[in-house]
């Protein structure tokens, strides 16, 4: 079953539950950037996020430049944001809290 695209109020409420994720100018995706101490730490983060994403059957877009990693979340099937995006973002936030 195709996930339902969220409305503006649902997106605003979802963002309020996350740690510094930003909404793109078109309201179609959320993103966040992390900077790590080393290339290895950045790659380890990508692998950990990949494992979470695989379990949730939802896959982010990654952009990695040495120690900087940017993630972009959207649901392609819905052509915008769904609850799946916010669930994955929340799980990534929890991952980072555990690793601090």
N, C-alpha and C. Protein backbone atom coordinates (compact mmCIF):
# COMPACT_ATOMS: atom_id res chain seq x y z
N UNK A 1 0.83 -1.18 0.00
CA UNK A 1 0.00 0.00 0.00
C UNK A 1 0.88 1.25 0.00
N UNK A 2 0.56 2.18 -0.85
CA UNK A 2 1.33 3.42 -0.98
C UNK A 2 1.08 4.31 0.24
N UNK A 3 2.18 4.84 0.87
CA UNK A 3 2.00 5.73 2.01
C UNK A 3 1.36 7.06 1.58
N UNK A 4 0.62 7.67 2.49
CA UNK A 4 -0.05 8.94 2.21
C UNK A 4 0.86 10.12 2.47
N UNK A 5 0.85 11.05 1.54
CA UNK A 5 1.62 12.28 1.67
C UNK A 5 1.03 13.12 2.81
N UNK A 6 1.90 13.69 3.63
CA UNK A 6 1.46 14.49 4.77
C UNK A 6 1.08 15.90 4.35
N UNK A 7 0.17 16.49 5.10
CA UNK A 7 -0.19 17.89 4.91
C UNK A 7 0.77 18.80 5.67
N UNK A 8 0.64 20.09 5.44
CA UNK A 8 1.54 21.07 6.06
C UNK A 8 1.53 21.01 7.58
N UNK A 9 0.36 20.87 8.19
CA UNK A 9 0.27 20.80 9.65
C UNK A 9 0.96 19.56 10.19
N UNK A 10 0.80 18.44 9.50
CA UNK A 10 1.45 17.20 9.93
C UNK A 10 2.97 17.30 9.79
N UNK A 11 3.43 17.96 8.75
CA UNK A 11 4.87 18.15 8.55
C UNK A 11 5.44 19.04 9.65
N UNK A 12 4.75 20.13 9.95
CA UNK A 12 5.19 21.03 11.02
C UNK A 12 5.25 20.29 12.35
N UNK A 13 4.24 19.50 12.64
CA UNK A 13 4.22 18.72 13.89
C UNK A 13 5.35 17.70 13.90
N UNK A 14 5.58 17.06 12.79
CA UNK A 14 6.66 16.07 12.70
C UNK A 14 8.02 16.70 12.92
N UNK A 15 8.26 17.85 12.31
CA UNK A 15 9.55 18.53 12.48
C UNK A 15 9.79 18.92 13.94
N UNK A 16 8.73 19.27 14.64
CA UNK A 16 8.85 19.67 16.05
C UNK A 16 9.35 18.52 16.93
N UNK A 17 9.19 17.29 16.47
CA UNK A 17 9.63 16.13 17.26
C UNK A 17 11.07 15.73 16.96
N UNK A 18 11.67 16.35 15.94
CA UNK A 18 13.01 15.96 15.50
C UNK A 18 14.07 16.95 15.98
N UNK A 19 15.32 16.53 15.90
CA UNK A 19 16.45 17.33 16.34
C UNK A 19 17.12 18.02 15.15
N UNK A 20 16.69 19.23 14.86
CA UNK A 20 17.32 20.11 13.88
C UNK A 20 17.29 19.60 12.43
N UNK A 21 16.27 18.89 12.05
CA UNK A 21 16.06 18.56 10.65
C UNK A 21 15.41 19.76 10.00
N UNK A 22 15.70 19.97 8.70
CA UNK A 22 15.14 21.12 8.00
C UNK A 22 14.28 20.67 6.82
N UNK A 23 13.27 21.46 6.56
CA UNK A 23 12.36 21.22 5.46
C UNK A 23 12.87 21.97 4.23
N UNK A 24 12.86 21.33 3.07
CA UNK A 24 13.31 22.03 1.87
C UNK A 24 12.30 23.10 1.47
N UNK A 25 12.69 23.97 0.56
CA UNK A 25 11.88 25.11 0.15
C UNK A 25 10.54 24.71 -0.45
N UNK A 26 10.45 23.51 -1.00
CA UNK A 26 9.22 23.04 -1.63
C UNK A 26 8.35 22.20 -0.69
N UNK A 27 8.84 21.95 0.52
CA UNK A 27 8.10 21.14 1.47
C UNK A 27 8.01 19.67 1.10
N UNK A 28 8.97 19.22 0.28
CA UNK A 28 8.91 17.85 -0.23
C UNK A 28 9.90 16.90 0.43
N UNK A 29 10.85 17.43 1.19
CA UNK A 29 11.84 16.56 1.84
C UNK A 29 12.37 17.24 3.10
N UNK A 30 12.97 16.41 3.97
CA UNK A 30 13.67 16.93 5.14
C UNK A 30 15.12 16.48 5.04
N UNK A 31 16.01 17.27 5.64
CA UNK A 31 17.42 16.91 5.58
C UNK A 31 18.15 17.37 6.84
N UNK A 32 19.33 16.79 6.98
CA UNK A 32 20.18 17.14 8.12
C UNK A 32 21.62 16.83 7.74
N UNK A 33 22.54 17.61 8.32
CA UNK A 33 23.97 17.44 8.05
C UNK A 33 24.68 17.15 9.37
N UNK A 34 25.62 16.21 9.31
CA UNK A 34 26.50 15.89 10.43
C UNK A 34 27.94 16.03 9.98
N UNK A 35 28.81 16.46 10.89
CA UNK A 35 30.24 16.51 10.63
C UNK A 35 30.92 15.64 11.68
N UNK A 36 31.71 14.68 11.23
CA UNK A 36 32.36 13.72 12.11
C UNK A 36 33.85 14.02 12.23
N UNK A 37 34.49 13.38 13.20
CA UNK A 37 35.91 13.60 13.45
C UNK A 37 36.82 12.96 12.42
N UNK A 38 36.29 11.96 11.71
CA UNK A 38 37.13 11.25 10.73
C UNK A 38 36.25 10.69 9.61
N UNK A 39 36.91 10.33 8.53
CA UNK A 39 36.23 9.69 7.41
C UNK A 39 35.61 8.37 7.87
N UNK A 40 36.35 7.60 8.68
CA UNK A 40 35.84 6.32 9.16
C UNK A 40 34.58 6.50 9.99
N UNK A 41 34.56 7.50 10.85
CA UNK A 41 33.36 7.75 11.66
C UNK A 41 32.17 8.11 10.77
N UNK A 42 32.40 8.88 9.73
CA UNK A 42 31.33 9.23 8.79
C UNK A 42 30.80 7.99 8.09
N UNK A 43 31.70 7.12 7.65
CA UNK A 43 31.28 5.90 6.96
C UNK A 43 30.56 4.96 7.92
N UNK A 44 31.04 4.85 9.15
CA UNK A 44 30.35 4.02 10.15
C UNK A 44 28.92 4.52 10.37
N UNK A 45 28.74 5.84 10.40
CA UNK A 45 27.41 6.42 10.54
C UNK A 45 26.53 6.03 9.35
N UNK A 46 27.05 6.14 8.15
CA UNK A 46 26.29 5.78 6.96
C UNK A 46 25.86 4.32 7.01
N UNK A 47 26.76 3.45 7.42
CA UNK A 47 26.43 2.02 7.53
C UNK A 47 25.33 1.80 8.57
N UNK A 48 25.45 2.47 9.71
CA UNK A 48 24.44 2.32 10.77
C UNK A 48 23.08 2.81 10.30
N UNK A 49 23.06 3.94 9.62
CA UNK A 49 21.79 4.46 9.10
C UNK A 49 21.24 3.50 8.05
N UNK A 50 22.11 2.96 7.22
CA UNK A 50 21.67 2.00 6.21
C UNK A 50 21.01 0.78 6.82
N UNK A 51 21.53 0.31 7.94
CA UNK A 51 20.94 -0.84 8.61
C UNK A 51 19.55 -0.51 9.15
N UNK A 52 19.40 0.67 9.75
CA UNK A 52 18.09 1.10 10.24
C UNK A 52 17.12 1.25 9.08
N UNK A 53 17.57 1.88 8.03
CA UNK A 53 16.72 2.12 6.86
C UNK A 53 16.25 0.81 6.24
N UNK A 54 17.14 -0.17 6.19
CA UNK A 54 16.77 -1.46 5.61
C UNK A 54 15.67 -2.13 6.43
N UNK A 55 15.80 -2.06 7.75
CA UNK A 55 14.77 -2.64 8.63
C UNK A 55 13.43 -1.93 8.42
N UNK A 56 13.48 -0.61 8.25
CA UNK A 56 12.25 0.16 8.07
C UNK A 56 11.76 0.14 6.62
N UNK A 57 12.52 -0.46 5.73
CA UNK A 57 12.19 -0.49 4.31
C UNK A 57 11.96 0.92 3.76
N UNK A 58 12.88 1.80 4.12
CA UNK A 58 12.82 3.20 3.67
C UNK A 58 14.24 3.69 3.54
N UNK A 59 14.60 4.23 2.40
CA UNK A 59 16.02 4.45 2.11
C UNK A 59 16.32 5.91 1.80
N UNK A 60 17.20 6.50 2.61
CA UNK A 60 17.53 7.92 2.45
C UNK A 60 18.49 8.15 1.29
N UNK A 61 18.59 9.41 0.93
CA UNK A 61 19.62 9.84 0.00
C UNK A 61 20.79 10.32 0.83
N UNK A 62 21.98 9.82 0.52
CA UNK A 62 23.20 10.19 1.24
C UNK A 62 24.08 11.05 0.35
N UNK A 63 24.71 12.06 0.95
CA UNK A 63 25.78 12.81 0.30
C UNK A 63 26.91 12.85 1.31
N UNK A 64 28.04 12.27 0.95
CA UNK A 64 29.18 12.20 1.86
C UNK A 64 30.38 12.88 1.22
N UNK A 65 30.97 13.82 1.95
CA UNK A 65 32.20 14.47 1.51
C UNK A 65 33.18 14.46 2.68
N UNK A 66 34.02 13.45 2.67
CA UNK A 66 35.05 13.21 3.68
C UNK A 66 34.43 13.02 5.06
N UNK A 67 34.37 14.05 5.90
CA UNK A 67 33.82 13.88 7.25
C UNK A 67 32.41 14.44 7.39
N UNK A 68 31.87 14.96 6.32
CA UNK A 68 30.53 15.57 6.33
C UNK A 68 29.55 14.63 5.62
N UNK A 69 28.41 14.40 6.30
CA UNK A 69 27.36 13.54 5.72
C UNK A 69 26.05 14.31 5.77
N UNK A 70 25.38 14.36 4.62
CA UNK A 70 24.04 14.95 4.55
C UNK A 70 23.06 13.86 4.17
N UNK A 71 21.95 13.82 4.89
CA UNK A 71 20.86 12.89 4.57
C UNK A 71 19.65 13.68 4.13
N UNK A 72 18.99 13.15 3.13
CA UNK A 72 17.74 13.73 2.64
C UNK A 72 16.69 12.64 2.65
N UNK A 73 15.55 12.94 3.26
CA UNK A 73 14.48 11.96 3.35
C UNK A 73 13.24 12.47 2.63
N UNK A 74 12.66 11.61 1.83
CA UNK A 74 11.37 11.83 1.19
C UNK A 74 10.85 10.47 0.74
N UNK A 75 9.57 10.40 0.50
CA UNK A 75 8.98 9.16 0.03
C UNK A 75 8.65 9.33 -1.45
N UNK A 76 9.45 8.69 -2.29
CA UNK A 76 9.29 8.85 -3.73
C UNK A 76 7.91 8.41 -4.20
N UNK A 77 7.39 7.33 -3.64
CA UNK A 77 6.07 6.83 -4.04
C UNK A 77 4.96 7.85 -3.79
N UNK A 78 5.14 8.68 -2.76
CA UNK A 78 4.12 9.67 -2.42
C UNK A 78 4.45 11.04 -2.99
N UNK A 79 5.63 11.15 -3.60
CA UNK A 79 6.10 12.43 -4.15
C UNK A 79 6.13 13.52 -3.08
N UNK A 80 6.63 13.14 -1.90
CA UNK A 80 6.71 14.08 -0.79
C UNK A 80 6.97 13.37 0.51
N UNK A 81 6.63 14.01 1.59
CA UNK A 81 6.89 13.48 2.92
C UNK A 81 5.73 12.64 3.43
N UNK A 82 6.09 11.54 4.11
CA UNK A 82 5.11 10.67 4.75
C UNK A 82 5.58 10.37 6.17
N UNK A 83 4.77 9.62 6.89
CA UNK A 83 5.16 9.21 8.25
C UNK A 83 6.45 8.39 8.22
N UNK A 84 6.72 7.69 7.13
CA UNK A 84 7.94 6.89 7.03
C UNK A 84 9.18 7.77 7.16
N UNK A 85 9.14 8.96 6.59
CA UNK A 85 10.30 9.86 6.66
C UNK A 85 10.56 10.31 8.09
N UNK A 86 9.50 10.64 8.79
CA UNK A 86 9.66 11.10 10.17
C UNK A 86 10.05 9.96 11.10
N UNK A 87 9.57 8.77 10.84
CA UNK A 87 9.97 7.61 11.64
C UNK A 87 11.46 7.32 11.46
N UNK A 88 11.94 7.39 10.23
CA UNK A 88 13.37 7.14 9.98
C UNK A 88 14.21 8.25 10.59
N UNK A 89 13.80 9.50 10.44
CA UNK A 89 14.55 10.61 11.03
C UNK A 89 14.63 10.47 12.55
N UNK A 90 13.53 10.09 13.18
CA UNK A 90 13.53 9.90 14.64
C UNK A 90 14.47 8.77 15.04
N UNK A 91 14.50 7.70 14.28
CA UNK A 91 15.40 6.58 14.58
C UNK A 91 16.86 7.02 14.42
N UNK A 92 17.15 7.84 13.44
CA UNK A 92 18.51 8.36 13.26
C UNK A 92 18.88 9.27 14.41
N UNK A 93 17.95 10.13 14.84
CA UNK A 93 18.21 10.96 16.02
C UNK A 93 18.52 10.10 17.23
N UNK A 94 17.78 9.02 17.43
CA UNK A 94 18.03 8.12 18.57
C UNK A 94 19.40 7.45 18.45
N UNK A 95 19.77 7.05 17.24
CA UNK A 95 21.09 6.48 17.01
C UNK A 95 22.18 7.45 17.45
N UNK A 96 22.05 8.69 17.10
CA UNK A 96 23.07 9.68 17.45
C UNK A 96 23.09 9.96 18.95
N UNK A 97 21.95 9.90 19.61
CA UNK A 97 21.93 10.09 21.07
C UNK A 97 22.62 8.94 21.78
N UNK A 98 22.45 7.72 21.26
CA UNK A 98 23.10 6.54 21.86
C UNK A 98 24.61 6.61 21.70
N UNK A 99 25.05 7.15 20.56
CA UNK A 99 26.48 7.14 20.25
C UNK A 99 27.24 8.33 20.85
N UNK A 100 26.54 9.25 21.52
CA UNK A 100 27.23 10.41 22.11
C UNK A 100 27.90 10.06 23.41
